[in-house]
Protein backbone atom coordinates (compact mmCIF):
# COMPACT_ATOMS: atom_id res chain seq x y z
CA UNK A 1 45.81 9.91 -35.83
CA UNK A 2 44.37 13.32 -35.07
CA UNK A 3 41.89 13.30 -32.10
CA UNK A 4 39.26 15.02 -34.25
CA UNK A 5 39.51 12.28 -36.85
CA UNK A 6 39.09 9.61 -34.20
CA UNK A 7 36.01 11.35 -32.82
CA UNK A 8 34.51 11.69 -36.30
CA UNK A 9 35.07 8.02 -37.07
CA UNK A 10 33.59 6.99 -33.74
CA UNK A 11 30.47 9.10 -34.34
CA UNK A 12 30.13 7.72 -37.86
CA UNK A 13 30.46 4.17 -36.57
CA UNK A 14 27.85 4.77 -33.85
CA UNK A 15 25.49 6.32 -36.37
CA UNK A 16 25.76 3.26 -38.58
CA UNK A 17 24.97 1.02 -35.61
CA UNK A 18 21.93 3.07 -34.60
CA UNK A 19 20.77 3.17 -38.20
CA UNK A 20 21.07 -0.57 -38.60
CA UNK A 21 19.82 -2.15 -35.37
CA UNK A 22 16.35 -1.64 -33.77
CA UNK A 23 17.58 -1.03 -30.23
CA UNK A 24 14.39 0.93 -29.59
CA UNK A 25 12.49 -2.31 -28.91
CA UNK A 26 14.60 -2.89 -25.80
CA UNK A 27 15.01 0.79 -24.95
CA UNK A 28 11.21 1.13 -24.67
CA UNK A 29 10.87 -1.20 -21.61
CA UNK A 30 13.95 0.42 -20.09
CA UNK A 31 12.38 3.86 -20.48
CA UNK A 32 9.00 2.69 -19.17
CA UNK A 33 10.42 1.12 -16.01
CA UNK A 34 12.95 3.91 -15.40
CA UNK A 35 10.29 6.58 -15.89
CA UNK A 36 7.96 4.73 -13.52
CA UNK A 37 10.75 4.42 -10.98
CA UNK A 38 11.46 8.15 -11.29
CA UNK A 39 7.79 9.10 -10.88
CA UNK A 40 7.44 6.80 -7.88
CA UNK A 41 10.84 7.30 -6.30
CA UNK A 42 10.74 6.03 -2.74
CA UNK A 43 7.63 3.91 -3.29
CA UNK A 44 9.03 1.29 -5.67
CA UNK A 45 12.11 -0.69 -4.61
CA UNK A 46 14.95 -0.72 -7.13
CA UNK A 47 15.18 -4.50 -6.88
CA UNK A 48 11.50 -4.83 -7.83
CA UNK A 49 11.94 -2.43 -10.76
CA UNK A 50 14.96 -4.43 -11.95
CA UNK A 51 12.95 -7.66 -11.91
CA UNK A 52 10.14 -5.95 -13.81
CA UNK A 53 12.62 -4.67 -16.40
CA UNK A 54 14.09 -8.14 -16.91
CA UNK A 55 10.57 -9.51 -17.37
CA UNK A 56 9.68 -6.90 -19.99
CA UNK A 57 13.01 -7.36 -21.79
CA UNK A 58 12.28 -11.07 -21.95
CA UNK A 59 8.83 -10.33 -23.40
CA UNK A 60 10.39 -7.97 -25.96
CA UNK A 61 12.90 -10.62 -27.03
CA UNK A 62 10.18 -13.27 -27.25
CA UNK A 63 7.98 -11.03 -29.42
CA UNK A 64 10.94 -10.17 -31.66
CA UNK A 65 11.76 -13.81 -32.30
CA UNK A 66 8.10 -14.74 -32.77
CA UNK A 67 7.41 -12.08 -35.39
CA UNK A 68 10.74 -12.75 -37.08
CA UNK A 69 9.37 -16.16 -38.00
CA UNK A 70 6.50 -14.34 -39.74
CA UNK A 71 8.43 -11.53 -41.46
CA UNK A 72 11.98 -12.92 -41.75
CA UNK A 73 13.18 -9.39 -41.08
CA UNK A 74 14.29 -8.16 -37.68
CA UNK A 75 13.28 -4.56 -38.35
CA UNK A 76 9.68 -5.49 -39.20
CA UNK A 77 9.53 -7.84 -36.25
CA UNK A 78 10.90 -5.08 -33.98
CA UNK A 79 8.32 -2.55 -35.23
CA UNK A 80 5.30 -4.78 -34.56
CA UNK A 81 6.70 -5.91 -31.19
CA UNK A 82 7.42 -2.27 -30.31
CA UNK A 83 3.82 -1.28 -31.10
CA UNK A 84 2.43 -4.07 -28.94
CA UNK A 85 4.61 -3.09 -25.98
CA UNK A 86 3.79 0.60 -26.42
CA UNK A 87 0.07 -0.28 -26.40
CA UNK A 88 0.59 -2.25 -23.19
CA UNK A 89 2.63 0.46 -21.47
CA UNK A 90 0.70 3.60 -22.43
CA UNK A 91 -2.86 2.30 -22.64
CA UNK A 92 -3.96 3.79 -19.31
CA UNK A 93 -2.61 7.27 -20.08
CA UNK A 94 -4.36 7.38 -23.47
CA UNK A 95 -7.57 5.98 -21.99
CA UNK A 96 -7.58 8.68 -19.29
CA UNK A 97 -7.04 11.36 -21.94
CA UNK A 98 -10.04 10.12 -23.95
CA UNK A 99 -12.16 9.95 -20.80
CA UNK A 100 -11.35 13.59 -20.09
CA UNK A 101 -11.96 14.72 -23.68
CA UNK A 102 -15.06 12.59 -24.33
CA UNK A 103 -16.74 11.82 -20.99
CA UNK A 104 -19.43 9.16 -21.25
CA UNK A 105 -18.63 8.48 -24.92
CA UNK A 106 -18.74 5.03 -26.54
CA UNK A 107 -15.08 5.65 -27.40
CA UNK A 108 -14.25 4.83 -23.78
CA UNK A 109 -16.08 1.50 -23.69
CA UNK A 110 -14.05 -1.69 -23.87
CA UNK A 111 -16.63 -3.09 -26.28
CA UNK A 112 -15.35 -0.44 -28.73
CA UNK A 113 -11.70 -0.21 -27.66
CA UNK A 114 -10.80 -3.89 -27.91
CA UNK A 115 -12.28 -4.64 -31.38
CA UNK A 116 -10.79 -1.43 -32.83
CA UNK A 117 -7.41 -2.24 -31.30
CA UNK A 118 -7.48 -5.75 -32.77
CA UNK A 119 -8.40 -4.38 -36.22
CA UNK A 120 -5.61 -1.79 -35.96
CA UNK A 121 -3.08 -4.43 -35.00
CA UNK A 122 -4.21 -6.69 -37.86
CA UNK A 123 -3.95 -3.79 -40.32
CA UNK A 124 -0.43 -2.96 -39.15
CA UNK A 125 0.53 -6.62 -39.41
CA UNK A 126 -0.61 -6.74 -43.05
CA UNK A 127 0.91 -3.34 -43.92
CA UNK A 128 4.32 -4.38 -42.66
CA UNK A 129 4.05 -7.66 -44.54
CA UNK A 130 3.48 -5.80 -47.80
CA UNK A 131 6.47 -3.48 -47.32
CA UNK A 132 9.78 -4.71 -48.65
CA UNK A 133 11.83 -3.18 -45.87
CA UNK A 134 11.90 -0.55 -43.12
CA UNK A 135 14.04 2.52 -43.94
CA UNK A 136 16.98 3.63 -41.82
CA UNK A 137 15.70 7.00 -40.61
CA UNK A 138 12.76 5.78 -38.46
CA UNK A 139 15.10 3.29 -36.79
CA UNK A 140 17.67 6.00 -36.06
CA UNK A 141 14.96 8.38 -34.82
CA UNK A 142 13.41 5.88 -32.41
CA UNK A 143 16.81 4.76 -31.12
CA UNK A 144 17.95 8.33 -30.41
CA UNK A 145 14.58 9.41 -29.01
CA UNK A 146 14.51 6.71 -26.36
CA UNK A 147 18.17 7.18 -25.51
CA UNK A 148 17.40 10.86 -24.85
CA UNK A 149 14.31 10.06 -22.76
CA UNK A 150 16.23 7.49 -20.74
CA UNK A 151 19.06 9.96 -20.14
CA UNK A 152 16.63 12.62 -18.90
CA UNK A 153 14.96 10.20 -16.47
CA UNK A 154 18.33 8.88 -15.30
CA UNK A 155 19.46 12.43 -14.46
CA UNK A 156 16.22 13.12 -12.62
CA UNK A 157 16.46 9.88 -10.66
CA UNK A 158 20.10 10.56 -9.79
CA UNK A 159 19.15 14.05 -8.61
CA UNK A 160 16.45 12.54 -6.40
CA UNK A 161 18.91 10.02 -4.94
CA UNK A 162 21.39 12.79 -4.13
CA UNK A 163 18.92 15.33 -2.76
CA UNK A 164 16.38 13.08 -1.07
CA UNK A 165 16.92 13.13 2.64
CA UNK A 166 14.93 10.73 4.72
CA UNK A 167 12.74 12.31 7.36
CA UNK A 168 14.77 11.51 10.43
CA UNK A 169 12.62 10.71 13.45
CA UNK A 170 12.86 13.58 15.91
CA UNK A 171 13.00 11.38 18.99
CA UNK A 172 15.54 8.76 17.84
CA UNK A 173 18.61 10.49 19.25
CA UNK A 174 17.13 11.00 22.72
CA UNK A 175 15.88 7.45 23.32
CA UNK A 176 18.18 5.79 25.81
CA UNK A 177 18.32 2.08 26.71
CA UNK A 178 16.94 1.11 30.10
CA UNK A 179 18.97 -1.80 31.37
CA UNK A 180 17.03 -2.51 34.57
CA UNK A 181 13.53 -1.97 33.12
CA UNK A 182 11.19 -4.99 32.90
CA UNK A 183 10.55 -6.09 29.32
CA UNK A 184 7.04 -7.52 29.00
CA UNK A 185 5.71 -8.82 25.70
CA UNK A 186 3.95 -6.00 23.85
CA UNK A 187 0.92 -6.54 21.61
CA UNK A 188 -0.34 -3.73 19.39
CA UNK A 189 -3.79 -4.76 18.16
CA UNK A 190 -4.95 -2.24 15.59
CA UNK A 191 -8.64 -2.56 14.75
CA UNK A 192 -9.10 -0.71 11.48
CA UNK A 193 -11.92 1.82 11.55
CA UNK A 194 -12.94 1.07 15.15
CA UNK A 195 -14.91 4.13 16.33
CA UNK A 196 -15.15 5.57 19.81
CA UNK A 197 -18.23 4.71 21.86
CA UNK A 198 -19.66 8.23 21.71
CA UNK A 199 -19.59 8.26 17.90
CA UNK A 200 -21.22 4.80 17.83
CA UNK A 201 -24.00 6.20 20.00
CA UNK A 202 -24.39 9.46 18.11
CA UNK A 203 -24.15 8.16 14.54
CA UNK A 204 -25.28 4.53 14.72
CA UNK A 205 -27.62 4.71 17.69
CA UNK A 206 -25.91 1.80 19.45
CA UNK A 207 -24.42 1.62 22.94
CA UNK A 208 -21.07 -0.15 22.74
CA UNK A 209 -20.26 0.33 26.42
CA UNK A 210 -20.77 -3.39 27.05
CA UNK A 211 -17.60 -4.12 25.11
CA UNK A 212 -15.70 -1.49 27.03
CA UNK A 213 -16.99 -2.99 30.28
CA UNK A 214 -15.63 -6.40 29.28
CA UNK A 215 -12.26 -4.81 28.54
CA UNK A 216 -12.27 -3.09 31.94
CA UNK A 217 -13.12 -6.42 33.61
CA UNK A 218 -9.89 -7.75 32.11
CA UNK A 219 -7.93 -4.85 33.59
CA UNK A 220 -7.93 -2.51 30.61
CA UNK A 221 -7.86 1.25 30.87
CA UNK A 222 -9.81 3.14 28.19
CA UNK A 223 -8.73 6.63 27.22
CA UNK A 224 -11.71 8.95 27.39
CA UNK A 225 -12.47 10.81 24.12
CA UNK A 226 -9.44 9.39 22.33
CA UNK A 227 -8.74 10.65 18.81
CA UNK A 228 -6.51 9.71 15.90
CA UNK A 229 -4.33 12.40 14.37
CA UNK A 230 -5.35 11.53 10.81
CA UNK A 231 -8.50 10.04 9.32
CA UNK A 232 -6.87 7.58 6.88
CA UNK A 233 -5.02 4.42 7.80
CA UNK A 234 -1.55 4.93 6.32
CA UNK A 235 -1.26 8.42 7.81
CA UNK A 236 -2.64 7.43 11.19
CA UNK A 237 -0.41 4.37 11.58
CA UNK A 238 2.67 6.26 10.40
CA UNK A 239 2.04 8.96 12.99
CA UNK A 240 1.36 6.40 15.73
CA UNK A 241 4.58 4.46 15.09
CA UNK A 242 6.76 7.51 14.47
CA UNK A 243 5.32 9.22 17.57
CA UNK A 244 5.26 12.39 15.53
CA UNK A 245 3.24 14.39 13.05
CA UNK A 246 3.97 13.72 9.39
CA UNK A 247 6.26 16.36 7.85
CA UNK A 248 5.63 17.88 4.44
CA UNK A 249 2.40 16.09 3.49
CA UNK A 250 -0.16 17.62 1.14
CA UNK A 251 -3.00 15.77 2.87
CA UNK A 252 -4.27 13.45 0.14
CA UNK A 253 -4.81 9.71 0.54
CA UNK A 254 -3.88 9.22 -3.12
CA UNK A 255 -0.85 11.50 -3.29
CA UNK A 256 2.25 9.43 -4.06
CA UNK A 257 4.58 11.73 -2.14
CA UNK A 258 2.31 11.64 0.89
CA UNK A 259 2.29 7.84 0.81
CA UNK A 260 6.06 7.87 0.43
CA UNK A 261 6.32 9.97 3.59
CA UNK A 262 4.02 7.52 5.40
CA UNK A 263 6.18 4.62 4.26
CA UNK A 264 9.38 6.38 5.36
CA UNK A 265 7.95 7.22 8.77
CA UNK A 266 6.88 3.61 9.37
CA UNK A 267 10.16 2.23 8.11
CA UNK A 268 12.14 4.54 10.40
CA UNK A 269 9.84 4.11 13.38
CA UNK A 270 11.80 5.14 16.48
CA UNK A 271 9.48 2.97 18.56
CA UNK A 272 10.37 -0.13 16.57
CA UNK A 273 14.08 0.75 16.51
CA UNK A 274 14.13 1.34 20.27
CA UNK A 275 12.40 -1.94 21.08
CA UNK A 276 14.61 -3.94 18.75
CA UNK A 277 17.75 -2.33 20.19
CA UNK A 278 16.40 -3.19 23.62
CA UNK A 279 16.23 -6.87 22.74
CA UNK A 280 12.66 -7.19 21.47
CA UNK A 281 11.80 -9.46 18.56
CA UNK A 282 9.39 -7.88 16.09
CA UNK A 283 6.47 -9.84 14.61
CA UNK A 284 4.80 -7.99 11.75
CA UNK A 285 1.25 -9.26 11.31
CA UNK A 286 0.01 -6.06 9.73
CA UNK A 287 -1.06 -4.90 6.29
CA UNK A 288 2.17 -2.87 5.95
CA UNK A 289 5.73 -3.95 5.21
CA UNK A 290 8.78 -2.92 7.20
CA UNK A 291 12.45 -3.32 6.32
CA UNK A 292 13.19 -7.01 6.74
CA UNK A 293 9.60 -7.73 7.80
CA UNK A 294 7.30 -7.93 4.76
CA UNK A 295 3.56 -8.12 5.21
CA UNK A 296 1.91 -11.53 4.98
CA UNK A 297 -1.13 -10.03 3.30
CA UNK A 298 -2.29 -8.97 -0.11
CA UNK A 299 -1.57 -5.22 -0.03
CA UNK A 300 -4.68 -3.06 0.24
CA UNK A 301 -3.42 0.36 1.36
CA UNK A 302 0.12 1.35 0.49
CA UNK A 303 1.34 0.78 -3.04
CA UNK A 304 3.89 -2.06 -2.96
CA UNK A 305 6.59 -3.39 -5.23
CA UNK A 306 5.97 -2.51 -8.87
CA UNK A 307 2.22 -1.81 -8.77
CA UNK A 308 2.67 2.00 -9.08
CA UNK A 309 4.62 1.44 -12.33
CA UNK A 310 2.29 -1.11 -13.88
CA UNK A 311 -1.03 0.38 -12.76
CA UNK A 312 -1.60 2.18 -16.09
CA UNK A 313 -0.79 -0.77 -18.35
CA UNK A 314 -3.40 -2.45 -20.53
CA UNK A 315 -3.34 -5.72 -18.59
CA UNK A 316 -3.70 -3.93 -15.24
CA UNK A 317 -6.60 -1.86 -16.52
CA UNK A 318 -8.33 -4.98 -17.83
CA UNK A 319 -7.90 -6.70 -14.46
CA UNK A 320 -9.12 -3.64 -12.61
CA UNK A 321 -12.08 -2.82 -14.85
CA UNK A 322 -13.17 -6.14 -16.31
CA UNK A 323 -11.66 -9.03 -14.37
CA UNK A 324 -14.47 -9.33 -11.86
CA UNK A 325 -17.10 -9.12 -14.60
CA UNK A 326 -15.22 -11.71 -16.70
CA UNK A 327 -14.94 -13.97 -13.66
CA UNK A 328 -18.69 -13.77 -13.03
CA UNK A 329 -19.54 -14.19 -16.72
CA UNK A 330 -17.35 -17.27 -17.09
CA UNK A 331 -18.26 -18.54 -13.62
CA UNK A 332 -14.83 -18.54 -11.97
CA UNK A 333 -15.81 -18.91 -8.29
CA UNK A 334 -12.27 -19.06 -6.88
CA UNK A 335 -11.34 -15.75 -8.56
CA UNK A 336 -14.57 -14.09 -7.42
CA UNK A 337 -14.04 -15.29 -3.87
CA UNK A 338 -10.47 -13.95 -3.67
CA UNK A 339 -11.60 -10.64 -5.14
CA UNK A 340 -14.53 -10.06 -2.80
CA UNK A 341 -13.13 -11.63 0.36
CA UNK A 342 -9.55 -10.24 0.18
CA UNK A 343 -9.72 -8.41 3.52
CA UNK A 344 -11.52 -11.29 5.21
CA UNK A 345 -8.84 -13.73 4.01
CA UNK A 346 -6.14 -11.34 5.25
CA UNK A 347 -7.87 -10.99 8.62
CA UNK A 348 -8.04 -14.74 9.10
CA UNK A 349 -4.39 -15.14 8.16
CA UNK A 350 -3.17 -12.39 10.51
CA UNK A 351 -5.44 -13.56 13.30
CA UNK A 352 -4.10 -17.13 13.01
CA UNK A 353 -0.49 -15.91 12.92
CA UNK A 354 -1.10 -13.88 16.08
CA UNK A 355 -2.70 -16.85 17.80
CA UNK A 356 0.33 -18.93 16.89
CA UNK A 357 2.95 -16.45 18.11
CA UNK A 358 1.10 -15.98 21.41
CA UNK A 359 2.01 -19.48 22.53
CA UNK A 360 5.48 -19.40 20.99
CA UNK A 361 8.19 -19.63 23.62
CA UNK A 362 10.98 -17.12 23.16
CA UNK A 363 13.92 -15.98 25.25
CA UNK A 364 13.53 -12.51 23.76
CA UNK A 365 10.53 -10.32 24.57
CA UNK A 366 8.01 -9.92 21.74
CA UNK A 367 6.62 -6.88 20.02
CA UNK A 368 3.64 -8.06 17.96
CA UNK A 369 1.87 -5.65 15.63
CA UNK A 370 -1.42 -7.14 14.40
CA UNK A 371 -3.60 -5.09 12.05
CA UNK A 372 -7.11 -6.40 11.41
CA UNK A 373 -9.39 -4.69 8.89
CA UNK A 374 -12.42 -4.79 11.17
CA UNK A 375 -14.96 -3.36 11.89
CA UNK A 376 -13.99 -1.44 8.75
CA UNK A 377 -16.03 -2.43 5.71
CA UNK A 378 -16.56 -4.76 3.85
CA UNK A 379 -19.02 -6.01 6.44
CA UNK A 380 -18.32 -9.72 6.16
CA UNK A 381 -20.22 -11.13 9.16
CA UNK A 382 -23.45 -10.62 11.00
CA UNK A 383 -23.56 -10.41 14.79
CA UNK A 384 -23.84 -14.22 15.10
CA UNK A 385 -20.69 -14.76 13.01
CA UNK A 386 -22.46 -15.84 9.81
CA UNK A 387 -20.50 -14.95 6.67
CA UNK A 388 -22.46 -12.86 4.18
CA UNK A 389 -22.66 -14.19 0.59
CA UNK A 390 -20.89 -12.36 -2.22
CA UNK A 391 -24.12 -10.78 -3.38
CA UNK A 392 -24.32 -8.82 -0.12
CA UNK A 393 -20.79 -7.43 -0.03
CA UNK A 394 -21.22 -4.28 -2.11
CA UNK A 395 -19.82 -1.04 -0.73
CA UNK A 396 -23.34 0.40 -0.43
CA UNK A 397 -24.07 -2.08 2.35
CA UNK A 398 -21.62 -0.15 4.53
CA UNK A 399 -24.38 2.43 4.90
CA UNK A 400 -26.66 -0.21 6.41
CA UNK A 401 -26.62 0.76 10.10
CA UNK A 402 -27.92 -2.60 11.33
CA UNK A 403 -25.21 -4.46 9.44
CA UNK A 404 -22.50 -2.14 10.71
CA UNK A 405 -23.62 -2.74 14.27
CA UNK A 406 -23.72 -6.47 13.65
CA UNK A 407 -20.19 -6.49 12.27
CA UNK A 408 -19.04 -4.36 15.20
CA UNK A 409 -20.50 -6.94 17.59
CA UNK A 410 -18.77 -9.74 15.70
CA UNK A 411 -15.48 -7.79 15.81
CA UNK A 412 -15.87 -7.31 19.55
CA UNK A 413 -16.07 -11.05 20.13
CA UNK A 414 -13.06 -11.76 17.92
CA UNK A 415 -10.95 -9.10 19.64
CA UNK A 416 -11.92 -10.31 23.12
CA UNK A 417 -11.10 -13.88 22.13
CA UNK A 418 -7.67 -12.80 20.90
CA UNK A 419 -7.04 -10.82 24.08
CA UNK A 420 -8.07 -13.78 26.21
CA UNK A 421 -5.66 -16.00 24.28
CA UNK A 422 -2.85 -13.55 24.97
CA UNK A 423 -3.65 -13.38 28.68
CA UNK A 424 -3.97 -17.15 29.01
CA UNK A 425 -0.75 -18.04 27.16
CA UNK A 426 1.52 -15.32 28.55
CA UNK A 427 3.97 -16.50 31.18
CA UNK A 428 4.38 -12.91 32.35
CA UNK A 429 1.76 -10.15 32.34
CA UNK A 430 1.83 -8.63 28.83
CA UNK A 431 1.20 -5.13 27.54
CA UNK A 432 -1.77 -4.97 25.17
CA UNK A 433 -2.87 -1.94 23.18
CA UNK A 434 -6.20 -2.05 21.34
CA UNK A 435 -6.41 1.01 19.11
CA UNK A 436 -8.55 2.19 16.20
CA UNK A 437 -6.71 4.03 13.43
CA UNK A 438 -9.67 6.26 12.52
CA UNK A 439 -13.35 6.62 13.21
CA UNK A 440 -16.47 6.67 11.05
CA UNK A 441 -15.95 8.14 7.58
CA UNK A 442 -18.94 6.99 5.52
CA UNK A 443 -22.59 7.75 6.22
CA UNK A 444 -25.56 8.58 4.03
CA UNK A 445 -26.41 11.60 6.14
CA UNK A 446 -24.02 14.53 6.70
CA UNK A 447 -22.08 14.48 9.96
CA UNK A 448 -19.38 16.43 11.73
CA UNK A 449 -15.81 15.67 10.61
CA UNK A 450 -14.73 15.20 14.22
CA UNK A 451 -16.30 11.73 14.18
CA UNK A 452 -13.73 10.63 11.61
CA UNK A 453 -11.06 10.84 14.32
CA UNK A 454 -12.90 9.44 17.34
CA UNK A 455 -11.53 5.95 18.02
CA UNK A 456 -11.19 3.33 20.68
CA UNK A 457 -7.96 3.43 22.69
CA UNK A 458 -7.74 0.72 25.32
CA UNK A 459 -4.62 -0.61 27.03
CA UNK A 460 -3.55 -3.21 29.54
CA UNK A 461 -0.25 -2.46 31.26
CA UNK A 462 1.25 -4.54 34.10
CA UNK A 463 0.82 -2.75 37.40
CA UNK A 464 -2.09 -0.70 36.01
CA UNK A 465 0.11 2.37 35.66
CA UNK A 466 -2.14 4.62 33.61
CA UNK A 467 -1.40 7.92 35.28
CA UNK A 468 0.14 9.49 32.17
CA UNK A 469 -2.85 8.93 29.91
CA UNK A 470 -5.44 11.67 29.77
CA UNK A 471 -8.83 12.61 28.37
CA UNK A 472 -8.75 13.73 24.74
CA UNK A 473 -5.30 12.22 24.12
CA UNK A 474 -4.39 11.58 20.49
CA UNK A 475 -2.37 8.68 19.12
CA UNK A 476 0.78 10.70 18.50
CA UNK A 477 1.42 10.66 22.26
CA UNK A 478 0.43 7.02 22.81
CA UNK A 479 3.91 5.54 22.82
CA UNK A 480 5.60 8.68 24.09
CA UNK A 481 3.69 8.21 27.34
CA UNK A 482 4.32 4.46 27.35
CA UNK A 483 8.08 4.74 26.79
CA UNK A 484 8.34 7.41 29.46
CA UNK A 485 6.67 5.26 32.11
CA UNK A 486 7.76 1.77 31.08
CA UNK A 487 11.32 2.50 29.93
CA UNK A 488 12.18 5.69 31.83
CA UNK A 489 12.40 7.94 28.77
CA UNK A 490 11.91 11.70 28.89
CA UNK A 491 9.90 12.44 25.78
CA UNK A 492 7.90 15.63 25.62
CA UNK A 493 4.24 15.30 24.76
CA UNK A 494 3.03 16.94 21.55
CA UNK A 495 -0.08 19.09 21.14
CA UNK A 496 -3.15 16.98 20.38
CA UNK A 497 -4.22 17.92 16.87
CA UNK A 498 -6.19 16.08 14.17
CA UNK A 499 -5.66 16.71 10.45
CA UNK A 500 -8.33 15.94 7.85
CA UNK A 501 -6.92 13.95 4.93
CA UNK A 502 -8.88 14.06 1.68
CA UNK A 503 -9.75 11.01 -0.40
């Protein structure tokens, strides 16, 4: 048979298949997940996207079978199921468009959107019931359209996979093992939003030097005028752990590519790699996940798993915009509590895990990274340790200076208690770093941006060898100095610069 004849017959056969079967119902979830994976390349793991796709395919199949019982035609069932899934997937994008076109309009209120959507769905249900059949051309069009869209996204994702080069840590290749160096347990206690004493004095009118005195009484050295390199958590922590400035960032706390860079820098942390290669066991009690060490918390900063893909869906928007109000209306106290006390629950969990690992006997030295969202708002406790009720946990209370001071005092006691537990349980003198990731960002009155970077930076190192630390030092040099003195490395110090990240 002539090759041209074979090709013609094959194309004719494929056309008949695409005319007959409503593949578009299953191509829609594939396109949605693949497009989301392409838009969020590097932020969403492929395994998570695959699980999400299987879930949506299962939903599509379930809807198809359910509506088949009503219509007794697969095409009609596929059309109505397709419309429901499309509504779910693209709700957020359409809602944002209407908000831009008609700001403040009743068209954007859920009290209008939901009834109209239900009426539209009911009308479509009846319209399809009245039709005898669905013609071939719409089926062929939808099948080919989504095949084309999927192919375009697949090419783009493949191009990303080929061209994307991870930001290799600059210092990885020059870190050398130190065989005869002592290996004390290392605790990195990161107190989120803990400001420097001078900014507490200037902006809150409170003298926090009593806390610093108690740290000094325990042998701590406090870096004078310490600053973070960035004023938002993900950026600051990524820079601290990578011991470098973040390459190629735009400088936005909501930019997906910026967050991808932060994630890459944490994941490839030369500090973590060096310590693990040197025999340290890593304990991740932070709000971030690392390869092989997922966070124990509900994520609050970096997008994780499939959230960047599903954020614009109808169900996600309902949870985000209405869930708390529905929970209060229908008196669902457990839901309200989890919603309002998420960071407090995370803090308690991470604090307890740290307390547990302190007394854990191990032949390998420990590197424990504990990240507590305190004294960062929400301001959960007063100075005496009394938990505020839900009614007093609104964001506006963060501007209450007295409450901020009270929560700072509570945080001081919790941090000192944790430090004392470490000192008491450690068989050998440990290394303890107590660092704030950024300073004060929110105030009613205007203030100088420099206060956003002024943080606490206190450390306890066996032998009290603090000669390398200096006034005005920023976090990017924190572990460069430490590795040089503790593990005989020869890392150059970087210029101390702070970069303002926008919300």
